[in-house]
N, C-alpha and C. Protein backbone atom coordinates (compact mmCIF):
# COMPACT_ATOMS: atom_id res chain seq x y z
N UNK A 1 40.73 176.24 128.87
CA UNK A 1 39.64 176.32 127.93
C UNK A 1 38.42 176.99 128.55
N UNK A 2 38.13 176.59 129.76
CA UNK A 2 36.93 177.09 130.43
C UNK A 2 36.97 178.61 130.54
N UNK A 3 38.15 179.15 130.89
CA UNK A 3 38.31 180.60 131.06
C UNK A 3 37.88 181.36 129.80
N UNK A 4 38.21 180.83 128.64
CA UNK A 4 37.88 181.50 127.38
C UNK A 4 36.44 181.24 126.96
N UNK A 5 35.86 180.14 127.39
CA UNK A 5 34.49 179.82 126.99
C UNK A 5 33.45 180.47 127.90
N UNK A 6 33.73 180.52 129.20
CA UNK A 6 32.74 181.00 130.16
C UNK A 6 32.18 182.38 129.82
N UNK A 7 33.03 183.31 129.50
CA UNK A 7 32.58 184.68 129.25
C UNK A 7 32.30 184.96 127.78
N UNK A 8 32.43 183.96 126.93
CA UNK A 8 32.17 184.15 125.50
C UNK A 8 30.67 184.02 125.26
N UNK A 9 30.03 185.10 124.83
CA UNK A 9 28.57 185.05 124.63
C UNK A 9 28.12 183.96 123.65
N UNK A 10 29.01 183.56 122.74
CA UNK A 10 28.63 182.50 121.80
C UNK A 10 28.42 181.16 122.49
N UNK A 11 28.98 181.02 123.69
CA UNK A 11 28.90 179.73 124.39
C UNK A 11 28.30 179.86 125.78
N UNK A 12 27.79 181.02 126.11
CA UNK A 12 27.23 181.27 127.44
C UNK A 12 26.15 180.25 127.77
N UNK A 13 26.28 179.66 128.93
CA UNK A 13 25.31 178.69 129.40
C UNK A 13 25.35 177.35 128.69
N UNK A 14 26.34 177.16 127.80
CA UNK A 14 26.40 175.91 127.05
C UNK A 14 27.78 175.27 127.17
N UNK A 15 28.41 175.40 128.30
CA UNK A 15 29.72 174.79 128.49
C UNK A 15 29.50 173.35 128.97
N UNK A 16 29.94 172.40 128.17
CA UNK A 16 29.70 170.99 128.50
C UNK A 16 30.43 170.56 129.77
N UNK A 17 29.87 169.59 130.41
CA UNK A 17 30.47 169.03 131.63
C UNK A 17 31.45 167.91 131.30
N UNK A 18 31.19 167.16 130.25
CA UNK A 18 32.08 166.05 129.92
C UNK A 18 33.29 166.56 129.14
N UNK A 19 34.42 165.93 129.36
CA UNK A 19 35.66 166.32 128.68
C UNK A 19 35.52 166.15 127.18
N UNK A 20 34.91 165.06 126.75
CA UNK A 20 34.74 164.79 125.32
C UNK A 20 33.95 165.90 124.65
N UNK A 21 32.85 166.31 125.25
CA UNK A 21 32.03 167.37 124.67
C UNK A 21 32.73 168.73 124.76
N UNK A 22 33.53 168.91 125.79
CA UNK A 22 34.28 170.16 125.93
C UNK A 22 35.27 170.31 124.77
N UNK A 23 35.98 169.23 124.43
CA UNK A 23 36.92 169.28 123.31
C UNK A 23 36.20 169.51 121.98
N UNK A 24 35.02 168.95 121.84
CA UNK A 24 34.23 169.16 120.64
C UNK A 24 33.80 170.63 120.53
N UNK A 25 33.38 171.20 121.64
CA UNK A 25 33.00 172.62 121.67
C UNK A 25 34.20 173.49 121.34
N UNK A 26 35.34 173.16 121.89
CA UNK A 26 36.58 173.91 121.65
C UNK A 26 36.95 173.87 120.16
N UNK A 27 36.82 172.72 119.54
CA UNK A 27 37.13 172.59 118.10
C UNK A 27 36.15 173.42 117.27
N UNK A 28 34.88 173.41 117.63
CA UNK A 28 33.89 174.22 116.91
C UNK A 28 34.19 175.71 117.08
N UNK A 29 34.61 176.09 118.28
CA UNK A 29 34.97 177.49 118.53
C UNK A 29 36.15 177.89 117.66
N UNK A 30 37.17 177.05 117.60
CA UNK A 30 38.34 177.37 116.78
C UNK A 30 37.96 177.46 115.30
N UNK A 31 37.14 176.54 114.84
CA UNK A 31 36.70 176.57 113.44
C UNK A 31 35.94 177.87 113.15
N UNK A 32 35.05 178.24 114.04
CA UNK A 32 34.28 179.47 113.88
C UNK A 32 35.21 180.68 113.85
N UNK A 33 36.21 180.70 114.72
CA UNK A 33 37.17 181.81 114.74
C UNK A 33 37.96 181.88 113.44
N UNK A 34 38.44 180.72 112.97
CA UNK A 34 39.16 180.69 111.69
C UNK A 34 38.28 181.21 110.55
N UNK A 35 37.03 180.77 110.52
CA UNK A 35 36.11 181.19 109.45
C UNK A 35 35.92 182.70 109.47
N UNK A 36 35.67 183.25 110.64
CA UNK A 36 35.46 184.70 110.74
C UNK A 36 36.69 185.47 110.28
N UNK A 37 37.87 185.01 110.69
CA UNK A 37 39.10 185.68 110.30
C UNK A 37 39.37 185.53 108.80
N UNK A 38 39.19 184.32 108.31
CA UNK A 38 39.45 184.04 106.89
C UNK A 38 38.55 184.88 105.99
N UNK A 39 37.29 184.99 106.36
CA UNK A 39 36.32 185.72 105.54
C UNK A 39 36.63 187.22 105.42
N UNK A 40 37.34 187.78 106.42
CA UNK A 40 37.66 189.21 106.35
C UNK A 40 39.08 189.46 105.87
N UNK A 41 39.76 188.40 105.44
CA UNK A 41 41.08 188.56 104.84
C UNK A 41 42.26 188.48 105.77
N UNK A 42 42.07 187.99 106.99
CA UNK A 42 43.20 187.77 107.89
C UNK A 42 43.98 186.57 107.35
N UNK A 43 45.29 186.65 107.39
CA UNK A 43 46.13 185.58 106.89
C UNK A 43 46.16 184.42 107.89
N UNK A 44 45.25 183.49 107.68
CA UNK A 44 45.14 182.27 108.48
C UNK A 44 45.01 181.10 107.50
N UNK A 45 45.33 179.89 107.95
CA UNK A 45 45.07 178.74 107.07
C UNK A 45 43.56 178.67 106.79
N UNK A 46 43.21 178.29 105.56
CA UNK A 46 41.80 178.20 105.18
C UNK A 46 41.12 177.07 105.96
N UNK A 47 40.06 177.39 106.73
CA UNK A 47 39.34 176.33 107.43
C UNK A 47 38.50 175.52 106.44
N UNK A 48 38.47 174.21 106.65
CA UNK A 48 37.75 173.33 105.72
C UNK A 48 36.53 172.71 106.38
N UNK A 49 36.71 172.09 107.54
CA UNK A 49 35.60 171.40 108.19
C UNK A 49 35.93 171.15 109.65
N UNK A 50 34.89 170.88 110.41
CA UNK A 50 35.06 170.46 111.80
C UNK A 50 34.08 169.33 112.07
N UNK A 51 34.56 168.31 112.75
CA UNK A 51 33.71 167.19 113.14
C UNK A 51 34.16 166.74 114.52
N UNK A 52 33.23 166.80 115.47
CA UNK A 52 33.54 166.49 116.86
C UNK A 52 34.77 167.28 117.29
N UNK A 53 35.86 166.62 117.64
CA UNK A 53 37.05 167.36 118.10
C UNK A 53 38.14 167.47 117.03
N UNK A 54 37.74 167.27 115.77
CA UNK A 54 38.69 167.29 114.66
C UNK A 54 38.45 168.53 113.81
N UNK A 55 39.50 169.32 113.65
CA UNK A 55 39.45 170.52 112.83
C UNK A 55 40.33 170.29 111.61
N UNK A 56 39.76 170.49 110.43
CA UNK A 56 40.50 170.32 109.18
C UNK A 56 40.70 171.70 108.56
N UNK A 57 41.96 171.97 108.19
CA UNK A 57 42.25 173.25 107.54
C UNK A 57 43.37 173.07 106.54
N UNK A 58 43.59 174.11 105.76
CA UNK A 58 44.67 174.13 104.77
C UNK A 58 46.00 173.83 105.46
N UNK A 59 46.82 173.01 104.81
CA UNK A 59 48.15 172.71 105.33
C UNK A 59 49.13 173.77 104.84
N UNK A 60 49.87 174.34 105.75
CA UNK A 60 50.88 175.34 105.41
C UNK A 60 52.24 174.67 105.61
N UNK A 61 52.92 174.39 104.52
CA UNK A 61 54.21 173.70 104.56
C UNK A 61 54.39 172.90 103.30
N UNK A 62 55.28 171.91 103.36
CA UNK A 62 55.56 171.11 102.18
C UNK A 62 55.93 169.68 102.59
N UNK A 63 55.45 168.72 101.81
CA UNK A 63 55.78 167.30 102.01
C UNK A 63 55.53 166.85 103.44
N UNK A 64 54.43 167.28 104.02
CA UNK A 64 54.08 166.86 105.37
C UNK A 64 54.82 167.58 106.47
N UNK A 65 55.70 168.49 106.12
CA UNK A 65 56.45 169.27 107.13
C UNK A 65 55.81 170.65 107.26
N UNK A 66 55.35 170.98 108.46
CA UNK A 66 54.71 172.29 108.62
C UNK A 66 55.71 173.44 108.46
N UNK A 67 55.19 174.57 108.03
CA UNK A 67 56.01 175.78 107.92
C UNK A 67 56.57 176.13 109.29
N UNK A 68 57.73 176.75 109.32
CA UNK A 68 58.31 177.12 110.61
C UNK A 68 57.54 178.27 111.27
N UNK A 69 57.67 178.32 112.57
CA UNK A 69 57.10 179.43 113.32
C UNK A 69 57.98 180.66 113.16
N UNK A 70 57.40 181.81 113.35
CA UNK A 70 58.15 183.07 113.28
C UNK A 70 59.37 183.00 114.19
N UNK A 71 59.23 182.39 115.33
CA UNK A 71 60.32 182.27 116.32
C UNK A 71 61.51 181.48 115.74
N UNK A 72 61.25 180.63 114.78
CA UNK A 72 62.26 179.71 114.27
C UNK A 72 62.98 180.16 113.01
N UNK A 73 62.51 181.25 112.40
CA UNK A 73 63.10 181.65 111.12
C UNK A 73 64.12 182.77 111.30
N UNK A 74 65.09 182.79 110.40
CA UNK A 74 66.12 183.82 110.39
C UNK A 74 65.87 184.70 109.17
N UNK A 75 65.32 185.89 109.41
CA UNK A 75 64.93 186.77 108.32
C UNK A 75 65.70 188.08 108.39
N UNK A 76 65.88 188.71 107.23
CA UNK A 76 66.55 190.01 107.22
C UNK A 76 65.60 191.08 107.75
N UNK A 77 66.17 192.23 108.09
CA UNK A 77 65.40 193.31 108.72
C UNK A 77 64.26 193.81 107.83
N UNK A 78 64.47 193.90 106.53
CA UNK A 78 63.40 194.36 105.64
C UNK A 78 62.22 193.39 105.66
N UNK A 79 62.50 192.11 105.60
CA UNK A 79 61.44 191.10 105.63
C UNK A 79 60.72 191.12 106.97
N UNK A 80 61.48 191.21 108.06
CA UNK A 80 60.86 191.29 109.39
C UNK A 80 59.96 192.51 109.50
N UNK A 81 60.41 193.62 108.96
CA UNK A 81 59.61 194.85 109.01
C UNK A 81 58.31 194.67 108.24
N UNK A 82 58.40 194.06 107.06
CA UNK A 82 57.19 193.81 106.26
C UNK A 82 56.22 192.89 107.01
N UNK A 83 56.76 191.84 107.61
CA UNK A 83 55.90 190.90 108.35
C UNK A 83 55.28 191.60 109.56
N UNK A 84 56.04 192.43 110.27
CA UNK A 84 55.48 193.16 111.41
C UNK A 84 54.26 193.96 110.97
N UNK A 85 54.41 194.73 109.91
CA UNK A 85 53.29 195.57 109.45
C UNK A 85 52.11 194.71 108.98
N UNK A 86 52.39 193.60 108.33
CA UNK A 86 51.32 192.70 107.87
C UNK A 86 50.59 192.07 109.05
N UNK A 87 51.33 191.66 110.08
CA UNK A 87 50.69 191.09 111.27
C UNK A 87 49.83 192.13 111.96
N UNK A 88 50.34 193.35 112.09
CA UNK A 88 49.55 194.41 112.72
C UNK A 88 48.29 194.72 111.92
N UNK A 89 48.39 194.67 110.60
CA UNK A 89 47.20 194.87 109.77
C UNK A 89 46.20 193.74 110.00
N UNK A 90 46.69 192.51 110.17
CA UNK A 90 45.79 191.39 110.46
C UNK A 90 45.15 191.52 111.84
N UNK A 91 45.88 192.05 112.81
CA UNK A 91 45.28 192.29 114.12
C UNK A 91 44.14 193.29 113.96
N UNK A 92 44.38 194.35 113.20
CA UNK A 92 43.33 195.35 112.95
C UNK A 92 42.11 194.72 112.27
N UNK A 93 42.35 193.94 111.21
CA UNK A 93 41.25 193.28 110.50
C UNK A 93 40.47 192.36 111.43
N UNK A 94 41.19 191.61 112.21
CA UNK A 94 40.54 190.67 113.12
C UNK A 94 39.63 191.41 114.10
N UNK A 95 40.13 192.49 114.66
CA UNK A 95 39.35 193.24 115.64
C UNK A 95 38.23 194.03 114.97
N UNK A 96 38.57 194.80 113.94
CA UNK A 96 37.60 195.74 113.37
C UNK A 96 36.61 195.10 112.41
N UNK A 97 37.00 194.02 111.74
CA UNK A 97 36.09 193.37 110.78
C UNK A 97 35.50 192.06 111.30
N UNK A 98 36.35 191.21 111.86
CA UNK A 98 35.85 189.92 112.38
C UNK A 98 35.33 190.05 113.80
N UNK A 99 35.67 191.17 114.46
CA UNK A 99 35.25 191.44 115.84
C UNK A 99 35.79 190.38 116.80
N UNK A 100 37.05 189.95 116.53
CA UNK A 100 37.72 188.94 117.35
C UNK A 100 39.09 189.43 117.81
N UNK A 101 39.49 188.99 118.99
CA UNK A 101 40.83 189.21 119.52
C UNK A 101 41.47 187.83 119.69
N UNK A 102 42.67 187.66 119.14
CA UNK A 102 43.36 186.36 119.20
C UNK A 102 43.48 185.88 120.63
N UNK A 103 44.03 186.70 121.50
CA UNK A 103 44.11 186.36 122.92
C UNK A 103 45.39 185.67 123.35
N UNK A 104 46.21 185.24 122.41
CA UNK A 104 47.48 184.59 122.76
C UNK A 104 48.48 184.76 121.62
N UNK A 105 48.43 185.89 120.94
CA UNK A 105 49.27 186.10 119.77
C UNK A 105 50.71 186.37 120.16
N UNK A 106 51.63 185.65 119.53
CA UNK A 106 53.06 185.82 119.77
C UNK A 106 53.81 185.18 118.61
N UNK A 107 55.12 185.22 118.68
CA UNK A 107 55.97 184.60 117.66
C UNK A 107 55.80 183.08 117.61
N UNK A 108 55.12 182.52 118.58
CA UNK A 108 54.86 181.07 118.61
C UNK A 108 53.56 180.70 117.90
N UNK A 109 52.75 181.70 117.54
CA UNK A 109 51.45 181.46 116.91
C UNK A 109 51.38 182.08 115.52
N UNK A 110 52.55 182.28 114.92
CA UNK A 110 52.63 182.81 113.57
C UNK A 110 53.60 181.95 112.78
N UNK A 111 53.13 181.39 111.68
CA UNK A 111 53.98 180.62 110.78
C UNK A 111 54.46 181.54 109.66
N UNK A 112 55.62 181.21 109.10
CA UNK A 112 56.13 181.96 107.96
C UNK A 112 56.39 180.96 106.84
N UNK A 113 55.77 181.24 105.69
CA UNK A 113 55.92 180.32 104.56
C UNK A 113 55.93 181.11 103.26
N UNK A 114 56.96 180.92 102.48
CA UNK A 114 57.10 181.55 101.17
C UNK A 114 56.86 183.06 101.23
N UNK A 115 57.50 183.69 102.21
CA UNK A 115 57.45 185.14 102.35
C UNK A 115 56.17 185.69 102.94
N UNK A 116 55.33 184.83 103.44
CA UNK A 116 54.03 185.25 103.99
C UNK A 116 53.86 184.71 105.39
N UNK A 117 53.15 185.43 106.23
CA UNK A 117 52.86 184.95 107.58
C UNK A 117 51.45 184.34 107.62
N UNK A 118 51.25 183.45 108.57
CA UNK A 118 49.94 182.85 108.82
C UNK A 118 49.73 182.82 110.33
N UNK A 119 48.65 183.40 110.78
CA UNK A 119 48.31 183.36 112.20
C UNK A 119 47.61 182.05 112.47
N UNK A 120 48.05 181.36 113.52
CA UNK A 120 47.49 180.05 113.85
C UNK A 120 47.05 180.02 115.32
N UNK A 121 46.50 178.89 115.71
CA UNK A 121 46.09 178.64 117.09
C UNK A 121 45.11 179.70 117.56
N UNK A 122 43.95 179.73 116.93
CA UNK A 122 42.96 180.76 117.25
C UNK A 122 41.83 180.23 118.13
N UNK A 123 42.03 179.09 118.74
CA UNK A 123 40.96 178.49 119.55
C UNK A 123 40.54 179.38 120.70
N UNK A 124 41.47 180.10 121.31
CA UNK A 124 41.14 180.92 122.47
C UNK A 124 40.67 182.32 122.09
N UNK A 125 40.61 182.65 120.79
CA UNK A 125 40.16 183.98 120.36
C UNK A 125 38.76 184.26 120.91
N UNK A 126 38.56 185.51 121.30
CA UNK A 126 37.28 185.90 121.90
C UNK A 126 36.66 187.05 121.11
N UNK A 127 35.35 187.16 121.22
CA UNK A 127 34.64 188.27 120.59
C UNK A 127 34.87 189.54 121.40
N UNK A 128 34.60 190.67 120.78
CA UNK A 128 34.84 191.95 121.45
C UNK A 128 33.97 192.17 122.67
N UNK A 129 32.86 191.45 122.77
CA UNK A 129 32.02 191.62 123.95
C UNK A 129 32.45 190.74 125.13
N UNK A 130 33.53 190.00 124.96
CA UNK A 130 34.12 189.24 126.07
C UNK A 130 34.69 190.27 127.05
N UNK A 131 34.49 190.09 128.36
CA UNK A 131 34.95 191.10 129.33
C UNK A 131 36.47 191.34 129.33
N UNK A 132 37.25 190.39 128.85
CA UNK A 132 38.71 190.55 128.83
C UNK A 132 39.26 190.86 127.44
N UNK A 133 38.40 191.09 126.46
CA UNK A 133 38.84 191.25 125.07
C UNK A 133 39.90 192.35 124.92
N UNK A 134 39.68 193.50 125.49
CA UNK A 134 40.64 194.60 125.32
C UNK A 134 41.95 194.35 126.05
N UNK A 135 41.87 193.66 127.19
CA UNK A 135 43.11 193.26 127.89
C UNK A 135 43.91 192.29 127.03
N UNK A 136 43.21 191.33 126.42
CA UNK A 136 43.88 190.37 125.55
C UNK A 136 44.47 191.06 124.32
N UNK A 137 43.74 192.03 123.77
CA UNK A 137 44.23 192.77 122.61
C UNK A 137 45.53 193.49 122.96
N UNK A 138 45.55 194.17 124.08
CA UNK A 138 46.77 194.90 124.47
C UNK A 138 47.93 193.92 124.66
N UNK A 139 47.65 192.78 125.27
CA UNK A 139 48.69 191.76 125.47
C UNK A 139 49.20 191.24 124.13
N UNK A 140 48.30 190.98 123.19
CA UNK A 140 48.70 190.52 121.85
C UNK A 140 49.63 191.54 121.19
N UNK A 141 49.20 192.80 121.20
CA UNK A 141 50.00 193.86 120.58
C UNK A 141 51.37 193.96 121.26
N UNK A 142 51.39 193.93 122.57
CA UNK A 142 52.65 194.02 123.32
C UNK A 142 53.59 192.87 122.98
N UNK A 143 53.04 191.66 122.88
CA UNK A 143 53.86 190.49 122.53
C UNK A 143 54.50 190.66 121.15
N UNK A 144 53.72 191.12 120.20
CA UNK A 144 54.23 191.27 118.83
C UNK A 144 55.27 192.39 118.77
N UNK A 145 54.98 193.52 119.39
CA UNK A 145 55.94 194.62 119.41
C UNK A 145 57.24 194.20 120.09
N UNK A 146 57.12 193.50 121.21
CA UNK A 146 58.31 193.03 121.94
C UNK A 146 59.18 192.16 121.04
N UNK A 147 58.57 191.18 120.37
CA UNK A 147 59.35 190.28 119.52
C UNK A 147 60.05 191.04 118.40
N UNK A 148 59.29 191.82 117.65
CA UNK A 148 59.87 192.48 116.49
C UNK A 148 60.88 193.56 116.88
N UNK A 149 60.63 194.27 117.95
CA UNK A 149 61.60 195.31 118.36
C UNK A 149 62.92 194.66 118.78
N UNK A 150 62.85 193.49 119.39
CA UNK A 150 64.08 192.77 119.75
C UNK A 150 64.84 192.29 118.53
N UNK A 151 64.15 192.18 117.41
CA UNK A 151 64.79 191.77 116.15
C UNK A 151 65.34 192.97 115.39
N UNK A 152 65.15 194.17 115.94
CA UNK A 152 65.67 195.37 115.30
C UNK A 152 64.67 196.17 114.49
N UNK A 153 63.42 195.70 114.45
CA UNK A 153 62.38 196.42 113.71
C UNK A 153 61.96 197.65 114.51
N UNK A 154 61.87 198.79 113.83
CA UNK A 154 61.36 200.00 114.48
C UNK A 154 59.84 199.88 114.56
N UNK A 155 59.32 199.86 115.77
CA UNK A 155 57.89 199.67 115.98
C UNK A 155 57.31 200.83 116.77
N UNK A 156 56.04 201.11 116.56
CA UNK A 156 55.37 202.07 117.44
C UNK A 156 55.25 201.46 118.84
N UNK A 157 54.90 202.28 119.79
CA UNK A 157 54.66 201.78 121.15
C UNK A 157 53.36 200.98 121.17
N UNK A 158 53.30 199.91 121.96
CA UNK A 158 52.06 199.10 122.01
C UNK A 158 50.83 199.95 122.33
N UNK A 159 50.97 200.89 123.26
CA UNK A 159 49.80 201.70 123.64
C UNK A 159 49.30 202.57 122.49
N UNK A 160 50.21 202.99 121.60
CA UNK A 160 49.79 203.79 120.44
C UNK A 160 49.02 202.93 119.43
N UNK A 161 49.51 201.71 119.20
CA UNK A 161 48.81 200.80 118.29
C UNK A 161 47.44 200.45 118.87
N UNK A 162 47.42 200.12 120.16
CA UNK A 162 46.18 199.77 120.84
C UNK A 162 45.17 200.92 120.73
N UNK A 163 45.61 202.12 121.03
CA UNK A 163 44.73 203.29 120.99
C UNK A 163 44.16 203.51 119.58
N UNK A 164 45.01 203.34 118.58
CA UNK A 164 44.56 203.53 117.19
C UNK A 164 43.49 202.51 116.82
N UNK A 165 43.69 201.26 117.20
CA UNK A 165 42.70 200.22 116.87
C UNK A 165 41.40 200.48 117.61
N UNK A 166 41.50 200.69 118.91
CA UNK A 166 40.29 200.88 119.73
C UNK A 166 39.51 202.12 119.31
N UNK A 167 40.22 203.15 118.87
CA UNK A 167 39.53 204.39 118.45
C UNK A 167 38.67 204.16 117.21
N UNK A 168 38.94 203.09 116.48
CA UNK A 168 38.17 202.77 115.27
C UNK A 168 37.03 201.79 115.51
N UNK A 169 36.87 201.34 116.75
CA UNK A 169 35.77 200.43 117.07
C UNK A 169 34.44 201.19 117.01
N UNK A 170 33.43 200.54 116.48
CA UNK A 170 32.09 201.16 116.41
C UNK A 170 31.09 200.27 117.04
């Protein structure tokens, strides 16, 4: 947690010493990240509220059972291809509109429900002015390309996607 908070300008100089306060700060950071992503149309669960270390958001699933992770679903090639392009569009929106990089995006942080993907676990997401933001972005893109290409989806090279996104930064 500290690694992601220390260089984040939103929390500079305000990293709590107590574990309890650290978890509260982490929950507020995740809520803020969800809000920024949700407001620009990134497919994430709708954030509802945060109180101390408790984050409340839209439940994705049914009857108390969460939607499966991308890693856990068996989808046909057409559906996988659609999800790949949708995830890449959300990466673009997150970076170019919300000015955030997920920082740990992979098939383990994407849920699939009723033909739609949802990006989750955004607590470690960093703003573009974080010194490691572009390194994290490249890693996110590489992780997603690696997963989908192994599933048979024809994907661009990670460096081409990265270059296209970064070239649109202002």
